[in-house]
Amino acid sequence: ISDAKWWLSHDRYIHRTTAILRALLTYTSEQLLDLDDPAERERLEI
């Protein structure tokens, strides 16, 4: 949530009322491409 709050500190939002939504994200491993994983980044590059 702190990163969403940081995002809203950008100039594009300076004169706007803002909010943060929280959502539950439910997915299988097959639906995920995790680019923090070096093997997945390499797979995408290939």
ModelCIF file with pLDDT and N, C-alpha, C, O atoms, coordinates in Angstrom:
data_MODEL
#
_entry.id   MODEL 
#
_entity.id                         1 
_entity.type                       polymer 
_entity.pdbx_number_of_molecules   1 
#
_entity_poly.entity_id                      1 
_entity_poly.type                           'polypeptide(L)' 
_entity_poly.nstd_linkage                   no 
_entity_poly.nstd_monomer                   no 
_entity_poly.pdbx_seq_one_letter_code       ISDAKWWLSHDRYIHRTTAILRALLTYTSEQLLDLDDPAERERLEI 
_entity_poly.pdbx_seq_one_letter_code_can   ISDAKWWLSHDRYIHRTTAILRALLTYTSEQLLDLDDPAERERLEI 
_entity_poly.pdbx_strand_id                 A 
#
loop_
_entity_poly_seq.entity_id 
_entity_poly_seq.num 
_entity_poly_seq.mon_id 
_entity_poly_seq.hetero 
1 1  ILE n 
1 2  SER n 
1 3  ASP n 
1 4  ALA n 
1 5  LYS n 
1 6  TRP n 
1 7  TRP n 
1 8  LEU n 
1 9  SER n 
1 10 HIS n 
1 11 ASP n 
1 12 ARG n 
1 13 TYR n 
1 14 ILE n 
1 15 HIS n 
1 16 ARG n 
1 17 THR n 
1 18 THR n 
1 19 ALA n 
1 20 ILE n 
1 21 LEU n 
1 22 ARG n 
1 23 ALA n 
1 24 LEU n 
1 25 LEU n 
1 26 THR n 
1 27 TYR n 
1 28 THR n 
1 29 SER n 
1 30 GLU n 
1 31 GLN n 
1 32 LEU n 
1 33 LEU n 
1 34 ASP n 
1 35 LEU n 
1 36 ASP n 
1 37 ASP n 
1 38 PRO n 
1 39 ALA n 
1 40 GLU n 
1 41 ARG n 
1 42 GLU n 
1 43 ARG n 
1 44 LEU n 
1 45 GLU n 
1 46 ILE n 
#
_struct_asym.id          A 
_struct_asym.entity_id   1 
#
loop_
_ma_qa_metric.id 
_ma_qa_metric.mode 
_ma_qa_metric.name 
_ma_qa_metric.software_group_id 
_ma_qa_metric.type 
1 global pLDDT . pLDDT 
2 local  pLDDT . pLDDT 
#
_ma_qa_metric_global.metric_id      1 
_ma_qa_metric_global.metric_value   93.96 
_ma_qa_metric_global.model_id       1 
_ma_qa_metric_global.ordinal_id     1 
#
loop_
_ma_qa_metric_local.label_asym_id 
_ma_qa_metric_local.label_comp_id 
_ma_qa_metric_local.label_seq_id 
_ma_qa_metric_local.metric_id 
_ma_qa_metric_local.metric_value 
_ma_qa_metric_local.model_id 
_ma_qa_metric_local.ordinal_id 
A ILE 1  2 96.00 1 1  
A SER 2  2 93.00 1 2  
A ASP 3  2 93.00 1 3  
A ALA 4  2 95.00 1 4  
A LYS 5  2 94.00 1 5  
A TRP 6  2 92.00 1 6  
A TRP 7  2 93.00 1 7  
A LEU 8  2 93.00 1 8  
A SER 9  2 90.00 1 9  
A HIS 10 2 86.00 1 10 
A ASP 11 2 88.00 1 11 
A ARG 12 2 87.00 1 12 
A TYR 13 2 89.00 1 13 
A ILE 14 2 89.00 1 14 
A HIS 15 2 90.00 1 15 
A ARG 16 2 92.00 1 16 
A THR 17 2 93.00 1 17 
A THR 18 2 94.00 1 18 
A ALA 19 2 95.00 1 19 
A ILE 20 2 97.00 1 20 
A LEU 21 2 97.00 1 21 
A ARG 22 2 98.00 1 22 
A ALA 23 2 98.00 1 23 
A LEU 24 2 98.00 1 24 
A LEU 25 2 98.00 1 25 
A THR 26 2 98.00 1 26 
A TYR 27 2 97.00 1 27 
A THR 28 2 97.00 1 28 
A SER 29 2 95.00 1 29 
A GLU 30 2 95.00 1 30 
A GLN 31 2 97.00 1 31 
A LEU 32 2 97.00 1 32 
A LEU 33 2 96.00 1 33 
A ASP 34 2 97.00 1 34 
A LEU 35 2 96.00 1 35 
A ASP 36 2 96.00 1 36 
A ASP 37 2 96.00 1 37 
A PRO 38 2 96.00 1 38 
A ALA 39 2 96.00 1 39 
A GLU 40 2 95.00 1 40 
A ARG 41 2 94.00 1 41 
A GLU 42 2 94.00 1 42 
A ARG 43 2 91.00 1 43 
A LEU 44 2 91.00 1 44 
A GLU 45 2 89.00 1 45 
A ILE 46 2 91.00 1 46 
#
loop_
_atom_site.group_PDB 
_atom_site.id 
_atom_site.type_symbol 
_atom_site.label_atom_id 
_atom_site.label_alt_id 
_atom_site.label_comp_id 
_atom_site.label_asym_id 
_atom_site.label_entity_id 
_atom_site.label_seq_id 
_atom_site.pdbx_PDB_ins_code 
_atom_site.Cartn_x 
_atom_site.Cartn_y 
_atom_site.Cartn_z 
_atom_site.occupancy 
_atom_site.B_iso_or_equiv 
_atom_site.pdbx_formal_charge 
_atom_site.auth_seq_id 
_atom_site.auth_comp_id 
_atom_site.auth_asym_id 
_atom_site.auth_atom_id 
_atom_site.pdbx_PDB_model_num 
ATOM 1   N N  . ILE A 1 1  ? 0.821  -1.211  0.000   1.00 96.00 ? 1  ILE A N  1 
ATOM 2   C CA . ILE A 1 1  ? 0.000  0.000   0.000   1.00 96.00 ? 1  ILE A CA 1 
ATOM 3   C C  . ILE A 1 1  ? 0.852  1.257   0.000   1.00 96.00 ? 1  ILE A C  1 
ATOM 4   O O  . ILE A 1 1  ? 0.458  2.261   -0.593  1.00 96.00 ? 1  ILE A O  1 
ATOM 5   N N  . SER A 1 2  ? 2.014  1.228   0.652   1.00 93.00 ? 2  SER A N  1 
ATOM 6   C CA . SER A 1 2  ? 2.882  2.409   0.687   1.00 93.00 ? 2  SER A CA 1 
ATOM 7   C C  . SER A 1 2  ? 3.345  2.790   -0.719  1.00 93.00 ? 2  SER A C  1 
ATOM 8   O O  . SER A 1 2  ? 3.550  3.971   -0.995  1.00 93.00 ? 2  SER A O  1 
ATOM 9   N N  . ASP A 1 3  ? 3.510  1.827   -1.598  1.00 93.00 ? 3  ASP A N  1 
ATOM 10  C CA . ASP A 1 3  ? 3.912  2.127   -2.971  1.00 93.00 ? 3  ASP A CA 1 
ATOM 11  C C  . ASP A 1 3  ? 2.759  2.738   -3.767  1.00 93.00 ? 3  ASP A C  1 
ATOM 12  O O  . ASP A 1 3  ? 2.982  3.601   -4.615  1.00 93.00 ? 3  ASP A O  1 
ATOM 13  N N  . ALA A 1 4  ? 1.550  2.304   -3.505  1.00 95.00 ? 4  ALA A N  1 
ATOM 14  C CA . ALA A 1 4  ? 0.386  2.925   -4.152  1.00 95.00 ? 4  ALA A CA 1 
ATOM 15  C C  . ALA A 1 4  ? 0.247  4.371   -3.670  1.00 95.00 ? 4  ALA A C  1 
ATOM 16  O O  . ALA A 1 4  ? -0.105 5.261   -4.444  1.00 95.00 ? 4  ALA A O  1 
ATOM 17  N N  . LYS A 1 5  ? 0.519  4.588   -2.415  1.00 94.00 ? 5  LYS A N  1 
ATOM 18  C CA . LYS A 1 5  ? 0.483  5.959   -1.865  1.00 94.00 ? 5  LYS A CA 1 
ATOM 19  C C  . LYS A 1 5  ? 1.576  6.806   -2.528  1.00 94.00 ? 5  LYS A C  1 
ATOM 20  O O  . LYS A 1 5  ? 1.337  7.961   -2.880  1.00 94.00 ? 5  LYS A O  1 
ATOM 21  N N  . TRP A 1 6  ? 2.763  6.240   -2.698  1.00 92.00 ? 6  TRP A N  1 
ATOM 22  C CA . TRP A 1 6  ? 3.845  6.950   -3.387  1.00 92.00 ? 6  TRP A CA 1 
ATOM 23  C C  . TRP A 1 6  ? 3.410  7.312   -4.813  1.00 92.00 ? 6  TRP A C  1 
ATOM 24  O O  . TRP A 1 6  ? 3.648  8.432   -5.265  1.00 92.00 ? 6  TRP A O  1 
ATOM 25  N N  . TRP A 1 7  ? 2.777  6.377   -5.519  1.00 93.00 ? 7  TRP A N  1 
ATOM 26  C CA . TRP A 1 7  ? 2.326  6.613   -6.888  1.00 93.00 ? 7  TRP A CA 1 
ATOM 27  C C  . TRP A 1 7  ? 1.409  7.837   -6.960  1.00 93.00 ? 7  TRP A C  1 
ATOM 28  O O  . TRP A 1 7  ? 1.486  8.634   -7.895  1.00 93.00 ? 7  TRP A O  1 
ATOM 29  N N  . LEU A 1 8  ? 0.561  7.965   -5.975  1.00 93.00 ? 8  LEU A N  1 
ATOM 30  C CA . LEU A 1 8  ? -0.390 9.077   -5.962  1.00 93.00 ? 8  LEU A CA 1 
ATOM 31  C C  . LEU A 1 8  ? 0.263  10.411  -5.607  1.00 93.00 ? 8  LEU A C  1 
ATOM 32  O O  . LEU A 1 8  ? -0.383 11.455  -5.694  1.00 93.00 ? 8  LEU A O  1 
ATOM 33  N N  . SER A 1 9  ? 1.535  10.391  -5.210  1.00 90.00 ? 9  SER A N  1 
ATOM 34  C CA . SER A 1 9  ? 2.252  11.633  -4.904  1.00 90.00 ? 9  SER A CA 1 
ATOM 35  C C  . SER A 1 9  ? 2.820  12.293  -6.162  1.00 90.00 ? 9  SER A C  1 
ATOM 36  O O  . SER A 1 9  ? 3.369  13.392  -6.079  1.00 90.00 ? 9  SER A O  1 
ATOM 37  N N  . HIS A 1 10 ? 2.701  11.649  -7.320  1.00 86.00 ? 10 HIS A N  1 
ATOM 38  C CA . HIS A 1 10 ? 3.213  12.213  -8.567  1.00 86.00 ? 10 HIS A CA 1 
ATOM 39  C C  . HIS A 1 10 ? 2.433  13.475  -8.962  1.00 86.00 ? 10 HIS A C  1 
ATOM 40  O O  . HIS A 1 10 ? 1.282  13.664  -8.570  1.00 86.00 ? 10 HIS A O  1 
ATOM 41  N N  . ASP A 1 11 ? 3.080  14.306  -9.729  1.00 88.00 ? 11 ASP A N  1 
ATOM 42  C CA . ASP A 1 11 ? 2.497  15.585  -10.146 1.00 88.00 ? 11 ASP A CA 1 
ATOM 43  C C  . ASP A 1 11 ? 1.132  15.456  -10.804 1.00 88.00 ? 11 ASP A C  1 
ATOM 44  O O  . ASP A 1 11 ? 0.285  16.335  -10.653 1.00 88.00 ? 11 ASP A O  1 
ATOM 45  N N  . ARG A 1 12 ? 0.911  14.356  -11.540 1.00 87.00 ? 12 ARG A N  1 
ATOM 46  C CA . ARG A 1 12 ? -0.359 14.218  -12.253 1.00 87.00 ? 12 ARG A CA 1 
ATOM 47  C C  . ARG A 1 12 ? -1.562 14.182  -11.310 1.00 87.00 ? 12 ARG A C  1 
ATOM 48  O O  . ARG A 1 12 ? -2.695 14.411  -11.735 1.00 87.00 ? 12 ARG A O  1 
ATOM 49  N N  . TYR A 1 13 ? -1.317 13.895  -10.034 1.00 89.00 ? 13 TYR A N  1 
ATOM 50  C CA . TYR A 1 13 ? -2.409 13.793  -9.062  1.00 89.00 ? 13 TYR A CA 1 
ATOM 51  C C  . TYR A 1 13 ? -2.440 14.958  -8.071  1.00 89.00 ? 13 TYR A C  1 
ATOM 52  O O  . TYR A 1 13 ? -3.276 14.972  -7.167  1.00 89.00 ? 13 TYR A O  1 
ATOM 53  N N  . ILE A 1 14 ? -1.551 15.926  -8.225  1.00 89.00 ? 14 ILE A N  1 
ATOM 54  C CA . ILE A 1 14 ? -1.380 16.966  -7.212  1.00 89.00 ? 14 ILE A CA 1 
ATOM 55  C C  . ILE A 1 14 ? -2.647 17.776  -6.931  1.00 89.00 ? 14 ILE A C  1 
ATOM 56  O O  . ILE A 1 14 ? -2.867 18.183  -5.791  1.00 89.00 ? 14 ILE A O  1 
ATOM 57  N N  . HIS A 1 15 ? -3.464 18.012  -7.919  1.00 90.00 ? 15 HIS A N  1 
ATOM 58  C CA . HIS A 1 15 ? -4.688 18.804  -7.724  1.00 90.00 ? 15 HIS A CA 1 
ATOM 59  C C  . HIS A 1 15 ? -5.942 17.945  -7.775  1.00 90.00 ? 15 HIS A C  1 
ATOM 60  O O  . HIS A 1 15 ? -7.026 18.442  -8.080  1.00 90.00 ? 15 HIS A O  1 
ATOM 61  N N  . ARG A 1 16 ? -5.798 16.661  -7.478  1.00 92.00 ? 16 ARG A N  1 
ATOM 62  C CA . ARG A 1 16 ? -6.935 15.747  -7.543  1.00 92.00 ? 16 ARG A CA 1 
ATOM 63  C C  . ARG A 1 16 ? -7.102 15.032  -6.207  1.00 92.00 ? 16 ARG A C  1 
ATOM 64  O O  . ARG A 1 16 ? -6.139 14.808  -5.474  1.00 92.00 ? 16 ARG A O  1 
ATOM 65  N N  . THR A 1 17 ? -8.333 14.687  -5.917  1.00 93.00 ? 17 THR A N  1 
ATOM 66  C CA . THR A 1 17 ? -8.597 13.831  -4.764  1.00 93.00 ? 17 THR A CA 1 
ATOM 67  C C  . THR A 1 17 ? -8.351 12.408  -5.227  1.00 93.00 ? 17 THR A C  1 
ATOM 68  O O  . THR A 1 17 ? -8.840 11.991  -6.278  1.00 93.00 ? 17 THR A O  1 
ATOM 69  N N  . THR A 1 18 ? -7.593 11.668  -4.439  1.00 94.00 ? 18 THR A N  1 
ATOM 70  C CA . THR A 1 18 ? -7.210 10.323  -4.849  1.00 94.00 ? 18 THR A CA 1 
ATOM 71  C C  . THR A 1 18 ? -7.650 9.288   -3.812  1.00 94.00 ? 18 THR A C  1 
ATOM 72  O O  . THR A 1 18 ? -8.084 9.619   -2.709  1.00 94.00 ? 18 THR A O  1 
ATOM 73  N N  . ALA A 1 19 ? -7.522 8.040   -4.208  1.00 95.00 ? 19 ALA A N  1 
ATOM 74  C CA . ALA A 1 19 ? -7.900 6.935   -3.322  1.00 95.00 ? 19 ALA A CA 1 
ATOM 75  C C  . ALA A 1 19 ? -7.040 5.724   -3.673  1.00 95.00 ? 19 ALA A C  1 
ATOM 76  O O  . ALA A 1 19 ? -6.386 5.674   -4.715  1.00 95.00 ? 19 ALA A O  1 
ATOM 77  N N  . ILE A 1 20 ? -7.065 4.767   -2.777  1.00 97.00 ? 20 ILE A N  1 
ATOM 78  C CA . ILE A 1 20 ? -6.369 3.506   -3.016  1.00 97.00 ? 20 ILE A CA 1 
ATOM 79  C C  . ILE A 1 20 ? -7.385 2.380   -2.904  1.00 97.00 ? 20 ILE A C  1 
ATOM 80  O O  . ILE A 1 20 ? -8.142 2.284   -1.938  1.00 97.00 ? 20 ILE A O  1 
ATOM 81  N N  . LEU A 1 21 ? -7.376 1.529   -3.928  1.00 97.00 ? 21 LEU A N  1 
ATOM 82  C CA . LEU A 1 21 ? -8.212 0.339   -3.915  1.00 97.00 ? 21 LEU A CA 1 
ATOM 83  C C  . LEU A 1 21 ? -7.335 -0.865  -3.594  1.00 97.00 ? 21 LEU A C  1 
ATOM 84  O O  . LEU A 1 21 ? -6.183 -0.955  -4.018  1.00 97.00 ? 21 LEU A O  1 
ATOM 85  N N  . ARG A 1 22 ? -7.913 -1.783  -2.835  1.00 98.00 ? 22 ARG A N  1 
ATOM 86  C CA . ARG A 1 22 ? -7.253 -3.064  -2.593  1.00 98.00 ? 22 ARG A CA 1 
ATOM 87  C C  . ARG A 1 22 ? -8.090 -4.136  -3.268  1.00 98.00 ? 22 ARG A C  1 
ATOM 88  O O  . ARG A 1 22 ? -9.317 -4.129  -3.173  1.00 98.00 ? 22 ARG A O  1 
ATOM 89  N N  . ALA A 1 23 ? -7.417 -5.062  -3.953  1.00 98.00 ? 23 ALA A N  1 
ATOM 90  C CA . ALA A 1 23 ? -8.118 -6.148  -4.621  1.00 98.00 ? 23 ALA A CA 1 
ATOM 91  C C  . ALA A 1 23 ? -7.408 -7.458  -4.302  1.00 98.00 ? 23 ALA A C  1 
ATOM 92  O O  . ALA A 1 23 ? -6.189 -7.510  -4.141  1.00 98.00 ? 23 ALA A O  1 
ATOM 93  N N  . LEU A 1 24 ? -8.195 -8.491  -4.217  1.00 98.00 ? 24 LEU A N  1 
ATOM 94  C CA . LEU A 1 24 ? -7.641 -9.830  -4.063  1.00 98.00 ? 24 LEU A CA 1 
ATOM 95  C C  . LEU A 1 24 ? -7.330 -10.358 -5.459  1.00 98.00 ? 24 LEU A C  1 
ATOM 96  O O  . LEU A 1 24 ? -8.193 -10.362 -6.337  1.00 98.00 ? 24 LEU A O  1 
ATOM 97  N N  . LEU A 1 25 ? -6.098 -10.801 -5.653  1.00 98.00 ? 25 LEU A N  1 
ATOM 98  C CA . LEU A 1 25 ? -5.675 -11.352 -6.930  1.00 98.00 ? 25 LEU A CA 1 
ATOM 99  C C  . LEU A 1 25 ? -5.484 -12.853 -6.738  1.00 98.00 ? 25 LEU A C  1 
ATOM 100 O O  . LEU A 1 25 ? -4.673 -13.277 -5.915  1.00 98.00 ? 25 LEU A O  1 
ATOM 101 N N  . THR A 1 26 ? -6.219 -13.646 -7.487  1.00 98.00 ? 26 THR A N  1 
ATOM 102 C CA . THR A 1 26 ? -6.187 -15.104 -7.359  1.00 98.00 ? 26 THR A CA 1 
ATOM 103 C C  . THR A 1 26 ? -5.820 -15.700 -8.714  1.00 98.00 ? 26 THR A C  1 
ATOM 104 O O  . THR A 1 26 ? -6.508 -15.478 -9.710  1.00 98.00 ? 26 THR A O  1 
ATOM 105 N N  . TYR A 1 27 ? -4.727 -16.459 -8.737  1.00 97.00 ? 27 TYR A N  1 
ATOM 106 C CA . TYR A 1 27 ? -4.216 -16.981 -10.000 1.00 97.00 ? 27 TYR A CA 1 
ATOM 107 C C  . TYR A 1 27 ? -3.459 -18.287 -9.761  1.00 97.00 ? 27 TYR A C  1 
ATOM 108 O O  . TYR A 1 27 ? -3.051 -18.590 -8.639  1.00 97.00 ? 27 TYR A O  1 
ATOM 109 N N  . THR A 1 28 ? -3.282 -19.040 -10.822 1.00 97.00 ? 28 THR A N  1 
ATOM 110 C CA . THR A 1 28 ? -2.497 -20.275 -10.757 1.00 97.00 ? 28 THR A CA 1 
ATOM 111 C C  . THR A 1 28 ? -1.061 -19.955 -11.173 1.00 97.00 ? 28 THR A C  1 
ATOM 112 O O  . THR A 1 28 ? -0.791 -18.900 -11.747 1.00 97.00 ? 28 THR A O  1 
ATOM 113 N N  . SER A 1 29 ? -0.161 -20.863 -10.881 1.00 95.00 ? 29 SER A N  1 
ATOM 114 C CA . SER A 1 29 ? 1.239  -20.678 -11.285 1.00 95.00 ? 29 SER A CA 1 
ATOM 115 C C  . SER A 1 29 ? 1.366  -20.570 -12.797 1.00 95.00 ? 29 SER A C  1 
ATOM 116 O O  . SER A 1 29 ? 2.243  -19.866 -13.296 1.00 95.00 ? 29 SER A O  1 
ATOM 117 N N  . GLU A 1 30 ? 0.495  -21.263 -13.535 1.00 95.00 ? 30 GLU A N  1 
ATOM 118 C CA . GLU A 1 30 ? 0.530  -21.214 -14.992 1.00 95.00 ? 30 GLU A CA 1 
ATOM 119 C C  . GLU A 1 30 ? 0.118  -19.841 -15.532 1.00 95.00 ? 30 GLU A C  1 
ATOM 120 O O  . GLU A 1 30 ? 0.485  -19.480 -16.650 1.00 95.00 ? 30 GLU A O  1 
ATOM 121 N N  . GLN A 1 31 ? -0.629 -19.090 -14.757 1.00 97.00 ? 31 GLN A N  1 
ATOM 122 C CA . GLN A 1 31 ? -1.067 -17.767 -15.190 1.00 97.00 ? 31 GLN A CA 1 
ATOM 123 C C  . GLN A 1 31 ? -0.041 -16.679 -14.886 1.00 97.00 ? 31 GLN A C  1 
ATOM 124 O O  . GLN A 1 31 ? -0.182 -15.549 -15.353 1.00 97.00 ? 31 GLN A O  1 
ATOM 125 N N  . LEU A 1 32 ? 0.982  -17.006 -14.113 1.00 97.00 ? 32 LEU A N  1 
ATOM 126 C CA . LEU A 1 32 ? 1.954  -16.016 -13.654 1.00 97.00 ? 32 LEU A CA 1 
ATOM 127 C C  . LEU A 1 32 ? 3.235  -16.048 -14.478 1.00 97.00 ? 32 LEU A C  1 
ATOM 128 O O  . LEU A 1 32 ? 3.822  -17.107 -14.696 1.00 97.00 ? 32 LEU A O  1 
ATOM 129 N N  . LEU A 1 33 ? 3.656  -14.879 -14.928 1.00 96.00 ? 33 LEU A N  1 
ATOM 130 C CA . LEU A 1 33 ? 4.991  -14.682 -15.465 1.00 96.00 ? 33 LEU A CA 1 
ATOM 131 C C  . LEU A 1 33 ? 5.707  -13.801 -14.447 1.00 96.00 ? 33 LEU A C  1 
ATOM 132 O O  . LEU A 1 33 ? 5.470  -12.595 -14.384 1.00 96.00 ? 33 LEU A O  1 
ATOM 133 N N  . ASP A 1 34 ? 6.583  -14.407 -13.652 1.00 97.00 ? 34 ASP A N  1 
ATOM 134 C CA . ASP A 1 34 ? 7.281  -13.726 -12.557 1.00 97.00 ? 34 ASP A CA 1 
ATOM 135 C C  . ASP A 1 34 ? 8.657  -13.304 -13.038 1.00 97.00 ? 34 ASP A C  1 
ATOM 136 O O  . ASP A 1 34 ? 9.580  -14.116 -13.092 1.00 97.00 ? 34 ASP A O  1 
ATOM 137 N N  . LEU A 1 35 ? 8.792  -12.036 -13.386 1.00 96.00 ? 35 LEU A N  1 
ATOM 138 C CA . LEU A 1 35 ? 10.051 -11.544 -13.926 1.00 96.00 ? 35 LEU A CA 1 
ATOM 139 C C  . LEU A 1 35 ? 11.091 -11.259 -12.839 1.00 96.00 ? 35 LEU A C  1 
ATOM 140 O O  . LEU A 1 35 ? 12.195 -10.813 -13.151 1.00 96.00 ? 35 LEU A O  1 
ATOM 141 N N  . ASP A 1 36 ? 10.758 -11.508 -11.579 1.00 96.00 ? 36 ASP A N  1 
ATOM 142 C CA . ASP A 1 36 ? 11.772 -11.491 -10.528 1.00 96.00 ? 36 ASP A CA 1 
ATOM 143 C C  . ASP A 1 36 ? 12.603 -12.764 -10.583 1.00 96.00 ? 36 ASP A C  1 
ATOM 144 O O  . ASP A 1 36 ? 13.711 -12.804 -10.048 1.00 96.00 ? 36 ASP A O  1 
ATOM 145 N N  . ASP A 1 37 ? 12.086 -13.791 -11.217 1.00 96.00 ? 37 ASP A N  1 
ATOM 146 C CA . ASP A 1 37 ? 12.765 -15.064 -11.376 1.00 96.00 ? 37 ASP A CA 1 
ATOM 147 C C  . ASP A 1 37 ? 13.699 -14.956 -12.596 1.00 96.00 ? 37 ASP A C  1 
ATOM 148 O O  . ASP A 1 37 ? 13.228 -14.752 -13.714 1.00 96.00 ? 37 ASP A O  1 
ATOM 149 N N  . PRO A 1 38 ? 15.024 -15.092 -12.385 1.00 96.00 ? 38 PRO A N  1 
ATOM 150 C CA . PRO A 1 38 ? 15.955 -14.967 -13.511 1.00 96.00 ? 38 PRO A CA 1 
ATOM 151 C C  . PRO A 1 38 ? 15.633 -15.921 -14.667 1.00 96.00 ? 38 PRO A C  1 
ATOM 152 O O  . PRO A 1 38 ? 15.820 -15.560 -15.829 1.00 96.00 ? 38 PRO A O  1 
ATOM 153 N N  . ALA A 1 39 ? 15.161 -17.108 -14.370 1.00 96.00 ? 39 ALA A N  1 
ATOM 154 C CA . ALA A 1 39 ? 14.823 -18.069 -15.427 1.00 96.00 ? 39 ALA A CA 1 
ATOM 155 C C  . ALA A 1 39 ? 13.642 -17.563 -16.270 1.00 96.00 ? 39 ALA A C  1 
ATOM 156 O O  . ALA A 1 39 ? 13.615 -17.770 -17.484 1.00 96.00 ? 39 ALA A O  1 
ATOM 157 N N  . GLU A 1 40 ? 12.682 -16.912 -15.637 1.00 95.00 ? 40 GLU A N  1 
ATOM 158 C CA . GLU A 1 40 ? 11.532 -16.372 -16.375 1.00 95.00 ? 40 GLU A CA 1 
ATOM 159 C C  . GLU A 1 40 ? 11.946 -15.186 -17.244 1.00 95.00 ? 40 GLU A C  1 
ATOM 160 O O  . GLU A 1 40 ? 11.464 -15.037 -18.367 1.00 95.00 ? 40 GLU A O  1 
ATOM 161 N N  . ARG A 1 41 ? 12.846 -14.338 -16.719 1.00 94.00 ? 41 ARG A N  1 
ATOM 162 C CA . ARG A 1 41 ? 13.345 -13.220 -17.529 1.00 94.00 ? 41 ARG A CA 1 
ATOM 163 C C  . ARG A 1 41 ? 14.093 -13.755 -18.747 1.00 94.00 ? 41 ARG A C  1 
ATOM 164 O O  . ARG A 1 41 ? 13.934 -13.240 -19.854 1.00 94.00 ? 41 ARG A O  1 
ATOM 165 N N  . GLU A 1 42 ? 14.903 -14.782 -18.541 1.00 94.00 ? 42 GLU A N  1 
ATOM 166 C CA . GLU A 1 42 ? 15.648 -15.388 -19.649 1.00 94.00 ? 42 GLU A CA 1 
ATOM 167 C C  . GLU A 1 42 ? 14.690 -16.013 -20.663 1.00 94.00 ? 42 GLU A C  1 
ATOM 168 O O  . GLU A 1 42 ? 14.896 -15.892 -21.871 1.00 94.00 ? 42 GLU A O  1 
ATOM 169 N N  . ARG A 1 43 ? 13.654 -16.674 -20.176 1.00 91.00 ? 43 ARG A N  1 
ATOM 170 C CA . ARG A 1 43 ? 12.650 -17.274 -21.059 1.00 91.00 ? 43 ARG A CA 1 
ATOM 171 C C  . ARG A 1 43 ? 11.973 -16.204 -21.917 1.00 91.00 ? 43 ARG A C  1 
ATOM 172 O O  . ARG A 1 43 ? 11.721 -16.426 -23.101 1.00 91.00 ? 43 ARG A O  1 
ATOM 173 N N  . LEU A 1 44 ? 11.682 -15.059 -21.330 1.00 91.00 ? 44 LEU A N  1 
ATOM 174 C CA . LEU A 1 44 ? 11.046 -13.972 -22.070 1.00 91.00 ? 44 LEU A CA 1 
ATOM 175 C C  . LEU A 1 44 ? 12.013 -13.395 -23.110 1.00 91.00 ? 44 LEU A C  1 
ATOM 176 O O  . LEU A 1 44 ? 11.609 -13.086 -24.230 1.00 91.00 ? 44 LEU A O  1 
ATOM 177 N N  . GLU A 1 45 ? 13.268 -13.255 -22.744 1.00 89.00 ? 45 GLU A N  1 
ATOM 178 C CA . GLU A 1 45 ? 14.284 -12.755 -23.674 1.00 89.00 ? 45 GLU A CA 1 
ATOM 179 C C  . GLU A 1 45 ? 14.425 -13.706 -24.873 1.00 89.00 ? 45 GLU A C  1 
ATOM 180 O O  . GLU A 1 45 ? 14.463 -13.261 -26.020 1.00 89.00 ? 45 GLU A O  1 
ATOM 181 N N  . ILE A 1 46 ? 14.500 -14.998 -24.606 1.00 91.00 ? 46 ILE A N  1 
ATOM 182 C CA . ILE A 1 46 ? 14.603 -16.005 -25.670 1.00 91.00 ? 46 ILE A CA 1 
ATOM 183 C C  . ILE A 1 46 ? 13.360 -15.979 -26.552 1.00 91.00 ? 46 ILE A C  1 
ATOM 184 O O  . ILE A 1 46 ? 13.261 -16.755 -27.503 1.00 91.00 ? 46 ILE A O  1 
#
